[in-house]
Structure formats: structure tokens, C-alpha cells
Protein backbone atom coordinates (compact mmCIF):
# COMPACT_ATOMS: atom_id res chain seq x y z
CA MET A 1 22.26 22.22 276.25
CA ASN A 2 25.09 24.09 274.53
CA LEU A 3 23.32 26.15 271.88
CA THR A 4 26.56 27.82 270.83
CA SER A 5 27.75 24.49 269.39
CA PRO A 6 27.25 24.13 265.61
CA LYS A 7 26.81 20.40 266.24
CA THR A 8 23.93 21.05 268.66
CA ILE A 9 22.37 23.50 266.21
CA ARG A 10 22.45 20.86 263.46
CA GLN A 11 20.94 18.25 265.81
CA ILE A 12 18.07 20.61 266.65
CA GLN A 13 17.55 21.33 262.97
CA ASP A 14 17.32 17.60 262.27
CA LYS A 15 15.04 16.95 265.24
CA PHE A 16 12.51 19.61 264.21
CA GLY A 17 13.12 19.65 260.47
CA PHE A 18 14.04 23.31 260.74
CA THR A 19 15.57 25.26 257.86
CA PHE A 20 16.87 28.81 258.10
CA LYS A 21 14.92 31.59 256.39
CA LYS A 22 17.12 34.31 254.93
CA GLY A 23 14.10 36.59 254.74
CA LEU A 24 13.83 36.56 258.55
CA GLY A 25 17.53 37.19 259.08
CA GLN A 26 18.04 33.92 260.94
CA ASN A 27 21.73 33.70 261.85
CA PHE A 28 22.45 32.09 265.20
CA LEU A 29 25.40 33.09 267.39
CA THR A 30 27.98 30.44 268.30
CA SER A 31 30.21 32.40 270.72
CA ARG A 32 29.76 32.01 274.46
CA ASP A 33 32.04 35.03 275.10
CA VAL A 34 29.88 37.34 272.98
CA LEU A 35 26.73 36.07 274.70
CA GLU A 36 28.18 36.98 278.07
CA GLU A 37 29.18 40.41 276.79
CA ILE A 38 25.62 41.03 275.58
CA ALA A 39 24.11 39.94 278.89
CA ASP A 40 26.61 42.03 280.86
CA ALA A 41 25.93 45.09 278.72
CA ALA A 42 22.18 44.76 279.29
CA GLU A 43 22.80 45.60 282.97
CA ILE A 44 19.83 43.48 283.98
CA ASP A 45 17.95 44.61 287.06
CA GLY A 46 14.71 42.66 287.11
CA GLY A 47 13.05 41.82 283.81
CA VAL A 48 14.13 41.54 280.18
CA MET A 49 12.20 41.60 276.94
CA GLU A 50 13.98 39.78 274.12
CA ILE A 51 13.22 40.26 270.43
CA GLY A 52 13.98 37.34 268.13
CA PRO A 53 15.22 34.52 270.41
CA GLY A 54 16.00 32.11 267.55
CA PHE A 55 16.90 28.76 269.13
CA GLY A 56 17.16 30.44 272.55
CA VAL A 57 20.92 30.77 272.91
CA LEU A 58 20.81 34.32 274.32
CA THR A 59 17.53 33.55 276.08
CA GLN A 60 19.29 30.94 278.22
CA GLU A 61 21.92 33.49 279.29
CA LEU A 62 19.23 36.06 280.09
CA CYS A 63 17.25 33.52 282.12
CA GLU A 64 20.30 32.90 284.29
CA ARG A 65 20.45 36.60 285.21
CA ALA A 66 16.91 37.99 285.06
CA GLU A 67 13.87 37.55 287.29
CA LYS A 68 11.74 37.16 284.17
CA VAL A 69 12.36 37.00 280.42
CA VAL A 70 9.68 37.61 277.82
CA SER A 71 10.80 36.69 274.29
CA VAL A 72 8.92 37.79 271.18
CA GLU A 73 9.36 35.47 268.18
CA ILE A 74 7.77 36.05 264.77
CA ASP A 75 8.54 32.60 263.31
CA GLU A 76 5.89 30.10 264.42
CA ARG A 77 8.18 27.20 263.46
CA LEU A 78 10.49 28.14 266.35
CA LEU A 79 7.88 27.81 269.10
CA PRO A 80 8.31 24.02 269.61
CA VAL A 81 12.08 24.46 269.31
CA LEU A 82 12.07 27.03 272.11
CA ASP A 83 9.85 24.81 274.27
CA TYR A 84 12.57 22.18 273.93
CA THR A 85 15.69 24.33 274.37
CA LEU A 86 14.28 26.36 277.28
CA LYS A 87 12.48 23.55 279.13
CA GLU A 88 14.79 23.88 282.15
CA TYR A 89 13.77 27.50 282.79
CA ASP A 90 10.57 28.51 284.55
CA ASN A 91 11.19 32.27 284.30
CA VAL A 92 10.71 32.63 280.54
CA LYS A 93 7.62 33.30 278.45
CA ILE A 94 7.56 33.04 274.66
CA ILE A 95 5.15 35.26 272.75
CA HIS A 96 4.46 34.56 269.10
CA GLY A 97 4.10 37.90 267.35
CA ASP A 98 5.57 40.68 265.25
CA VAL A 99 7.30 43.27 267.42
CA MET A 100 6.32 45.96 264.90
CA LYS A 101 2.64 45.19 265.43
CA LEU A 102 2.39 44.39 269.13
CA ASP A 103 1.33 47.00 271.69
CA LEU A 104 4.71 47.03 273.44
CA ARG A 105 3.74 49.40 276.23
CA GLU A 106 0.76 47.24 277.15
CA LEU A 107 2.87 44.08 276.86
CA ILE A 108 5.54 45.43 279.20
CA LYS A 109 2.94 46.60 281.71
CA LYS A 110 1.17 43.25 281.64
CA GLU A 111 4.32 41.14 282.05
CA PHE A 112 6.51 43.36 284.24
CA GLY A 113 4.17 45.75 286.03
CA GLU A 114 5.61 49.20 286.66
CA GLN A 115 9.29 48.23 286.71
CA LYS A 116 11.73 49.41 284.09
CA ILE A 117 13.26 46.62 282.04
CA SER A 118 16.09 45.92 279.63
CA ILE A 119 15.53 44.97 275.99
CA ALA A 120 17.85 42.56 274.19
CA ALA A 121 17.65 41.72 270.51
CA ASN A 122 19.49 40.06 267.65
CA LEU A 123 17.86 42.10 264.90
CA PRO A 124 17.49 41.11 261.25
CA TYR A 125 19.48 43.61 259.24
CA TYR A 126 16.57 44.56 257.00
CA ILE A 127 14.40 45.80 259.88
CA THR A 128 16.96 47.13 262.36
CA THR A 129 16.20 50.83 261.90
CA PRO A 130 12.37 50.54 262.04
CA ILE A 131 12.52 48.47 265.24
CA ILE A 132 15.01 50.76 267.02
CA THR A 133 13.05 53.82 265.91
CA ARG A 134 9.86 52.35 267.34
CA LEU A 135 11.47 51.33 270.64
CA LEU A 136 12.79 54.87 271.15
CA GLU A 137 9.87 56.94 269.88
CA GLU A 138 7.35 55.09 272.05
CA LYS A 139 9.31 56.12 275.15
CA LEU A 140 8.90 52.74 276.80
CA PRO A 141 9.88 52.08 280.44
CA VAL A 142 13.33 50.78 279.53
CA ASN A 143 16.79 51.23 281.05
CA ASN A 144 18.90 49.71 278.29
CA ILE A 145 18.42 48.46 274.76
CA ILE A 146 21.18 46.04 273.76
CA VAL A 147 21.13 44.93 270.13
CA MET A 148 23.17 42.83 267.75
CA VAL A 149 23.16 44.62 264.40
CA GLN A 150 25.18 44.89 261.21
CA LYS A 151 28.53 46.54 262.05
CA GLU A 152 27.99 49.43 259.64
CA VAL A 153 24.57 50.11 261.18
CA ALA A 154 26.05 50.16 264.69
CA GLU A 155 28.63 52.66 263.47
CA ARG A 156 25.88 54.91 262.08
CA LEU A 157 23.81 54.69 265.25
CA SER A 158 26.76 55.71 267.43
CA ALA A 159 28.54 58.15 265.08
CA ARG A 160 29.80 61.62 265.98
CA GLU A 161 29.06 64.81 264.08
CA GLY A 162 31.38 65.58 261.21
CA THR A 163 31.81 61.93 260.20
CA LYS A 164 30.41 60.17 257.15
CA ASN A 165 28.28 57.84 259.31
CA TYR A 166 26.52 60.70 261.10
CA GLY A 167 22.88 61.04 260.07
CA ALA A 168 19.25 61.38 261.12
CA ILE A 169 19.13 57.96 262.84
CA THR A 170 22.27 58.90 264.79
CA LEU A 171 20.54 61.95 266.20
CA LEU A 172 17.41 59.98 267.06
CA CYS A 173 19.55 57.62 269.14
CA ARG A 174 21.56 60.45 270.69
CA TYR A 175 18.39 62.36 271.59
CA TYR A 176 16.98 59.50 273.66
CA THR A 177 20.06 57.46 274.64
CA GLU A 178 23.79 57.17 275.15
CA PRO A 179 24.90 54.84 272.31
CA GLU A 180 28.00 52.68 272.67
CA ILE A 181 29.48 49.85 270.61
CA ILE A 182 30.31 47.08 273.10
CA THR A 183 32.05 44.63 270.78
CA LYS A 184 32.35 43.69 267.11
CA VAL A 185 31.36 40.19 266.00
CA PRO A 186 32.77 38.58 262.83
CA ALA A 187 30.41 36.73 260.50
CA SER A 188 32.27 33.48 261.19
CA LEU A 189 30.69 33.33 264.67
CA PHE A 190 27.20 32.72 263.27
CA VAL A 191 25.38 29.72 261.80
CA PRO A 192 24.73 30.17 258.96
CA PRO A 193 27.35 32.93 258.55
CA PRO A 194 25.90 36.20 257.18
CA LYS A 195 27.68 38.14 254.45
CA VAL A 196 28.64 40.99 256.79
CA ASP A 197 30.14 41.41 260.25
CA SER A 198 28.00 42.45 263.21
CA ALA A 199 28.39 44.52 266.35
CA VAL A 200 26.78 44.66 269.76
CA LEU A 201 25.38 48.11 270.48
CA ARG A 202 24.08 49.37 273.79
CA LEU A 203 21.61 52.25 273.91
CA ARG A 204 21.48 53.41 277.52
CA VAL A 205 18.17 55.26 277.77
CA LEU A 206 18.42 58.75 279.27
CA ASP A 207 16.06 59.88 282.02
CA GLU A 208 15.28 62.95 279.90
CA PRO A 209 16.04 63.67 276.23
CA ARG A 210 19.56 65.00 275.71
CA VAL A 211 18.31 68.44 274.64
CA LYS A 212 15.14 70.38 275.39
CA VAL A 213 13.18 71.49 272.35
CA LYS A 214 9.94 73.42 271.91
CA ASP A 215 8.45 70.86 269.52
CA GLU A 216 9.85 67.38 268.92
CA LYS A 217 8.10 67.09 265.55
CA VAL A 218 9.78 70.26 264.31
CA PHE A 219 13.09 69.11 265.77
CA PHE A 220 13.05 65.82 263.87
CA LYS A 221 11.65 67.50 260.74
CA THR A 222 14.65 69.85 260.85
CA ILE A 223 17.04 66.92 261.16
CA LYS A 224 15.37 64.97 258.36
CA ALA A 225 15.52 68.01 256.08
CA ALA A 226 19.18 68.66 256.87
CA PHE A 227 20.14 65.15 255.79
CA SER A 228 17.73 64.85 252.86
CA GLN A 229 20.47 65.94 250.45
CA ARG A 230 23.82 65.66 252.18
CA ARG A 231 25.75 67.65 249.58
CA LYS A 232 23.48 70.67 249.89
CA THR A 233 23.96 73.43 252.42
CA LEU A 234 21.83 73.62 255.54
CA LEU A 235 20.15 76.74 254.15
CA ASN A 236 19.07 75.03 250.93
CA CYS A 237 17.84 71.90 252.72
CA LEU A 238 15.75 73.83 255.23
CA SER A 239 14.30 76.25 252.70
CA GLY A 240 13.01 73.28 250.73
CA ALA A 241 11.30 71.76 253.77
CA PHE A 242 9.76 74.72 255.62
CA PRO A 243 7.25 77.31 254.34
CA ILE A 244 9.59 80.15 255.29
CA ALA A 245 11.33 82.50 252.88
CA LYS A 246 14.93 81.56 252.19
CA GLU A 247 16.25 84.95 253.28
CA ASP A 248 14.35 84.61 256.57
CA ILE A 249 15.89 81.19 257.24
CA MET A 250 19.30 82.70 256.47
CA GLY A 251 18.63 85.41 259.02
CA LEU A 252 17.55 82.89 261.66
CA LEU A 253 20.65 80.76 261.14
CA THR A 254 22.92 83.79 261.26
CA LYS A 255 21.22 84.98 264.45
CA ALA A 256 21.81 81.53 265.96
CA GLY A 257 25.50 81.79 265.10
CA ILE A 258 25.32 78.99 262.52
CA ASP A 259 26.83 79.51 259.08
CA PRO A 260 24.03 78.88 256.51
CA LYS A 261 26.61 77.28 254.22
CA ARG A 262 27.32 74.47 256.65
CA ARG A 263 26.03 70.98 255.93
CA GLY A 264 23.78 69.03 258.27
CA GLU A 265 26.44 66.46 259.11
CA THR A 266 28.53 69.16 260.85
CA LEU A 267 25.87 70.24 263.34
CA SER A 268 25.76 68.93 266.89
CA ILE A 269 22.48 67.88 268.46
CA GLU A 270 22.52 71.08 270.51
CA GLU A 271 22.79 73.15 267.32
CA PHE A 272 19.90 71.24 265.75
CA ALA A 273 17.83 72.01 268.85
CA LYS A 274 18.64 75.71 268.53
CA VAL A 275 17.73 75.77 264.83
CA SER A 276 14.47 73.84 265.27
CA ASP A 277 13.34 76.14 268.07
CA MET A 278 13.81 79.14 265.76
CA LEU A 279 11.84 77.43 262.99
CA GLU A 280 9.01 76.35 265.31
């Protein structure tokens, strides 16, 4: 069953009386080449957890490569559709649920045992950041997270310091992973076409966080403060977030070799680690 064919998609819609819900970000990919790029980038070695299978177009590709695929789908209307489109595969399990509410660590342990897995997802634009944040902060047993997201979001998640896209979410990704844009995907390759282009992003999970810090909460609080008002200096942002006298923060920054007049977007992750350790 060629699920990349708009004709097949329409036939399935007619068969099940299915209509797309914009609120769930339902845009289905119609490019076989992009599907293969996603599956290749996932570097599958055993099991895969998929978030948001839709009609099952990527699920089919994952089933061809993985020992086991567990797909989490929030839209109950898609369950009979997936039973139909994935009927040829005996290595897939569909779970009806909200990935933001499920106990993902317990789910992975139950379905895959102690092995590390890959995660693949075509994420609705409105919930991309919360889902990625959760997947990283929970420190799940995962090798790679491969996601289809809005192009501008992918650029923010993989940005370098000193660029306009560099921000707190960038540093979260860089702390836990090695982010890389695999390919860009025009809106015309989806049914129905979204209003923006997309990109495939791989987050290769590091064995250990990129930098060692005394306190992760202070580290991320420092980052959040630094980007809370991008036009303000690092000194002003930090003095508004920490119960430390402004002149003392200036002294700490100077001691660390960091100009207090710099802005957060110019600091590397290593510099943020140095600053947070001094504020801890």
C-alpha cells in the first residue's frame, strides 16, 4: 500500500470517513525519498518508538528496518486506519495516548526491555518544543531522536552561538545531544500542505551531557535568564534573576573572563557552564 500517494490517501479518507484536524497538526508526507532519509537518520539498531504515526507512512518504513515499532497516536479516529494500513506487519504496536501524559520511561522498559531505542516523530508545530524538552529532560534510554518539525524550529534547535536563532532551547538540545538538520522538506510534499516548510532534524543523544555543571537547575536557570530579554546585557539579565548583588555578579563574570556587557546569545555552552557554576 503506497501511503505516499495522494490518491491512496484520499481513498483511505473516503473508506474511513476521515477528515484532517488542523488542531492536531495532521499533515501527511508524500515523499518516499524523505521517508528513507528519516529512517536512515534514525540509525535503527533494535527498537523504535514513533510519535504521531498518522496513516502509518513512516511506520511502514520503520517496520521494514526495526525489530519492533511502538507508535503512540493521540487521535482515536486513526486507530482503525492504522489497523488497515499496517495489517501486513507483525512487529508494530499502536498505543492510543498523549505522549505528554504517558510514562515514557515505563513504556520503553515494558516494550523494549533494557535496550536503547530510537525515537521518530512527525511533530505538530504547536507542541514541538514541549515534546522535545520532555524527551531530553527525562533522560530516556535513547540513541537518536529524529523529528520532522517546522524549518524555522529546526534552525533554532541546531543554531550556533552568535546567530539570531540561538536561544535557550538550542542550549537544551546541545547539552544533551548533537543536533543536525538532515534535510529540508517543502510544504508541497504534504497532504494537506501546511503553510510553512519543514525540516528533518536528528538529535544524536550523547553518552554524557556536553558540559559538566555543579547544578543542572542553576545551569538552565542561568540560560533562561540570559535569554529572557535578548537586548539586555548578561549582567542585567542575571541580576534580575538571582538574589545576588549586581556588583557581585559583575565581579564573578569578570573573574570568569566574560565581559558583563555581552549578551546571552554570544556565550557558548561552555561559558554558560562556567557562569552557572559561579552562581551556584
